[in-house]
Amino acid sequence: MESTRQHKIARLIQKDMSDILLRYARTLQGTLISVSEVRVTPDLSLAHIYLSIFPQDKVAQTMSLINENTHRFRGELGTLERHQLRIIPEIVFHLDETIDRMERIDELLAISH
């Protein structure tokens, strides 16, 4: 269970990282990146950032580019949050596959009827 502090920091990171990735996505013509969830470890040293990327055919390429620029994104996050956090957590990006799973469940349910 997340503490209140973890939850507040996760929301702060989610908001700021959304802004950072929105600016970055402008360089990737026709790609939409959204931060669906952020989970912070209890010691606040690591933030797991879950991303939704559209369209589906650009997911692999976009995730690759994001992972290559993780240090840059952490630096920008540090600039935005320098007055709220003493230490900026390391960040790890993950692909949020919730929508894909929901679509698959819908397909399975449609087949069963």
C-alpha atoms as a PDB file:
ATOM      1  CA  MET A   1       0.000   0.000   0.000  1.00  0.00           C
ATOM      2  CA  GLU A   2       1.324   3.398  -0.972  1.00  0.00           C
ATOM      3  CA  SER A   3       1.925   6.004   1.681  1.00  0.00           C
ATOM      4  CA  THR A   4       0.452   9.462   1.315  1.00  0.00           C
ATOM      5  CA  ARG A   5       3.920  10.831   0.538  1.00  0.00           C
ATOM      6  CA  GLN A   6       4.466   8.252  -2.229  1.00  0.00           C
ATOM      7  CA  HIS A   7       1.084   9.063  -3.706  1.00  0.00           C
ATOM      8  CA  LYS A   8       1.730  12.832  -3.704  1.00  0.00           C
ATOM      9  CA  ILE A   9       5.155  12.428  -5.295  1.00  0.00           C
ATOM     10  CA  ALA A  10       3.764  10.022  -7.898  1.00  0.00           C
ATOM     11  CA  ARG A  11       1.077  12.564  -8.880  1.00  0.00           C
ATOM     12  CA  LEU A  12       3.661  15.362  -9.065  1.00  0.00           C
ATOM     13  CA  ILE A  13       5.928  13.243 -11.283  1.00  0.00           C
ATOM     14  CA  GLN A  14       2.974  12.186 -13.447  1.00  0.00           C
ATOM     15  CA  LYS A  15       1.969  15.796 -14.090  1.00  0.00           C
ATOM     16  CA  ASP A  16       5.485  17.038 -14.838  1.00  0.00           C
ATOM     17  CA  MET A  17       6.473  14.010 -16.918  1.00  0.00           C
ATOM     18  CA  SER A  18       3.261  14.408 -18.954  1.00  0.00           C
ATOM     19  CA  ASP A  19       4.319  17.963 -19.799  1.00  0.00           C
ATOM     20  CA  ILE A  20       7.860  16.867 -20.675  1.00  0.00           C
ATOM     21  CA  LEU A  21       6.668  14.019 -22.918  1.00  0.00           C
ATOM     22  CA  LEU A  22       4.067  16.239 -24.575  1.00  0.00           C
ATOM     23  CA  ARG A  23       6.865  18.571 -25.702  1.00  0.00           C
ATOM     24  CA  TYR A  24       8.974  15.572 -26.779  1.00  0.00           C
ATOM     25  CA  ALA A  25       6.097  14.001 -28.754  1.00  0.00           C
ATOM     26  CA  ARG A  26       5.920  17.114 -30.920  1.00  0.00           C
ATOM     27  CA  THR A  27       9.252  16.039 -32.436  1.00  0.00           C
ATOM     28  CA  LEU A  28       7.714  12.648 -33.254  1.00  0.00           C
ATOM     29  CA  GLN A  29       5.168  13.604 -35.853  1.00  0.00           C
ATOM     30  CA  GLY A  30       1.824  11.875 -35.386  1.00  0.00           C
ATOM     31  CA  THR A  31       2.615  10.198 -32.055  1.00  0.00           C
ATOM     32  CA  LEU A  32       0.660  10.666 -28.840  1.00  0.00           C
ATOM     33  CA  ILE A  33       2.292   9.773 -25.523  1.00  0.00           C
ATOM     34  CA  SER A  34       0.396   9.859 -22.244  1.00  0.00           C
ATOM     35  CA  VAL A  35       1.505   8.995 -18.729  1.00  0.00           C
ATOM     36  CA  SER A  36      -1.146   6.631 -17.412  1.00  0.00           C
ATOM     37  CA  GLU A  37       0.386   5.869 -14.015  1.00  0.00           C
ATOM     38  CA  VAL A  38       3.434   6.504 -11.847  1.00  0.00           C
ATOM     39  CA  ARG A  39       4.487   4.244  -8.986  1.00  0.00           C
ATOM     40  CA  VAL A  40       7.194   5.369  -6.576  1.00  0.00           C
ATOM     41  CA  THR A  41       9.144   2.974  -4.352  1.00  0.00           C
ATOM     42  CA  PRO A  42       8.779   3.430  -0.565  1.00  0.00           C
ATOM     43  CA  ASP A  43      12.276   4.951  -0.292  1.00  0.00           C
ATOM     44  CA  LEU A  44      11.366   7.421  -3.097  1.00  0.00           C
ATOM     45  CA  SER A  45      14.489   6.490  -5.062  1.00  0.00           C
ATOM     46  CA  LEU A  46      12.783   4.942  -8.105  1.00  0.00           C
ATOM     47  CA  ALA A  47       9.741   5.950 -10.138  1.00  0.00           C
ATOM     48  CA  HIS A  48       8.103   3.468 -12.500  1.00  0.00           C
ATOM     49  CA  ILE A  49       6.371   5.468 -15.227  1.00  0.00           C
ATOM     50  CA  TYR A  50       3.714   3.716 -17.323  1.00  0.00           C
ATOM     51  CA  LEU A  51       3.099   5.131 -20.797  1.00  0.00           C
ATOM     52  CA  SER A  52       0.338   4.748 -23.361  1.00  0.00           C
ATOM     53  CA  ILE A  53       1.492   5.369 -26.915  1.00  0.00           C
ATOM     54  CA  PHE A  54      -0.669   5.855 -29.992  1.00  0.00           C
ATOM     55  CA  PRO A  55      -0.702   4.770 -32.792  1.00  0.00           C
ATOM     56  CA  GLN A  56       0.142   1.145 -32.094  1.00  0.00           C
ATOM     57  CA  ASP A  57       2.530   0.805 -35.034  1.00  0.00           C
ATOM     58  CA  LYS A  58       4.911   3.354 -33.456  1.00  0.00           C
ATOM     59  CA  VAL A  59       5.056   1.845 -29.970  1.00  0.00           C
ATOM     60  CA  ALA A  60       8.362  -0.050 -30.297  1.00  0.00           C
ATOM     61  CA  GLN A  61      10.195   2.805 -31.980  1.00  0.00           C
ATOM     62  CA  THR A  62       8.867   5.405 -29.512  1.00  0.00           C
ATOM     63  CA  MET A  63       9.669   3.304 -26.425  1.00  0.00           C
ATOM     64  CA  SER A  64      13.176   2.798 -27.769  1.00  0.00           C
ATOM     65  CA  LEU A  65      13.670   6.551 -28.228  1.00  0.00           C
ATOM     66  CA  ILE A  66      12.252   7.297 -24.780  1.00  0.00           C
ATOM     67  CA  ASN A  67      14.517   4.734 -23.110  1.00  0.00           C
ATOM     68  CA  GLU A  68      17.536   6.193 -24.920  1.00  0.00           C
ATOM     69  CA  ASN A  69      16.680   9.644 -23.540  1.00  0.00           C
ATOM     70  CA  THR A  70      15.820   8.630 -19.961  1.00  0.00           C
ATOM     71  CA  HIS A  71      18.696  10.674 -18.523  1.00  0.00           C
ATOM     72  CA  ARG A  72      17.469  13.760 -20.399  1.00  0.00           C
ATOM     73  CA  PHE A  73      13.921  13.329 -19.091  1.00  0.00           C
ATOM     74  CA  ARG A  74      15.196  12.881 -15.527  1.00  0.00           C
ATOM     75  CA  GLY A  75      17.205  16.079 -15.902  1.00  0.00           C
ATOM     76  CA  GLU A  76      14.148  17.996 -17.067  1.00  0.00           C
ATOM     77  CA  LEU A  77      12.129  16.481 -14.223  1.00  0.00           C
ATOM     78  CA  GLY A  78      14.813  17.656 -11.790  1.00  0.00           C
ATOM     79  CA  THR A  79      14.589  21.180 -13.166  1.00  0.00           C
ATOM     80  CA  LEU A  80      10.808  21.250 -12.728  1.00  0.00           C
ATOM     81  CA  GLU A  81      10.784  19.662  -9.265  1.00  0.00           C
ATOM     82  CA  ARG A  82      13.937  21.111  -7.725  1.00  0.00           C
ATOM     83  CA  HIS A  83      11.939  23.015  -5.095  1.00  0.00           C
ATOM     84  CA  GLN A  84       9.605  20.133  -4.192  1.00  0.00           C
ATOM     85  CA  LEU A  85      12.025  17.193  -3.945  1.00  0.00           C
ATOM     86  CA  ARG A  86      15.512  16.947  -2.464  1.00  0.00           C
ATOM     87  CA  ILE A  87      16.428  13.940  -4.590  1.00  0.00           C
ATOM     88  CA  ILE A  88      14.947  13.245  -7.996  1.00  0.00           C
ATOM     89  CA  PRO A  89      14.167   9.517  -8.279  1.00  0.00           C
ATOM     90  CA  GLU A  90      15.652   7.363 -11.000  1.00  0.00           C
ATOM     91  CA  ILE A  91      13.023   6.726 -13.645  1.00  0.00           C
ATOM     92  CA  VAL A  92      12.098   3.564 -15.495  1.00  0.00           C
ATOM     93  CA  PHE A  93       9.608   3.655 -18.341  1.00  0.00           C
ATOM     94  CA  HIS A  94       7.135   0.832 -18.952  1.00  0.00           C
ATOM     95  CA  LEU A  95       4.538   0.372 -21.641  1.00  0.00           C
ATOM     96  CA  ASP A  96       1.030   0.388 -20.182  1.00  0.00           C
ATOM     97  CA  GLU A  97      -0.793  -2.487 -21.838  1.00  0.00           C
ATOM     98  CA  THR A  98      -4.092  -2.035 -20.019  1.00  0.00           C
ATOM     99  CA  ILE A  99      -5.945  -0.865 -23.127  1.00  0.00           C
ATOM    100  CA  ASP A 100      -4.620  -3.812 -25.150  1.00  0.00           C
ATOM    101  CA  ARG A 101      -5.763  -6.219 -22.444  1.00  0.00           C
ATOM    102  CA  MET A 102      -9.211  -4.602 -22.315  1.00  0.00           C
ATOM    103  CA  GLU A 103      -9.582  -4.918 -26.087  1.00  0.00           C
ATOM    104  CA  ARG A 104      -8.548  -8.575 -25.915  1.00  0.00           C
ATOM    105  CA  ILE A 105     -11.102  -9.272 -23.191  1.00  0.00           C
ATOM    106  CA  ASP A 106     -13.793  -7.538 -25.264  1.00  0.00           C
ATOM    107  CA  GLU A 107     -12.859  -9.705 -28.254  1.00  0.00           C
ATOM    108  CA  LEU A 108     -13.054 -12.873 -26.167  1.00  0.00           C
ATOM    109  CA  LEU A 109     -16.398 -11.868 -24.734  1.00  0.00           C
ATOM    110  CA  ALA A 110     -17.755 -11.096 -28.199  1.00  0.00           C
ATOM    111  CA  ILE A 111     -16.652 -14.541 -29.424  1.00  0.00           C
ATOM    112  CA  SER A 112     -18.356 -16.300 -26.512  1.00  0.00           C
ATOM    113  CA  HIS A 113     -21.761 -14.745 -27.332  1.00  0.00           C
END
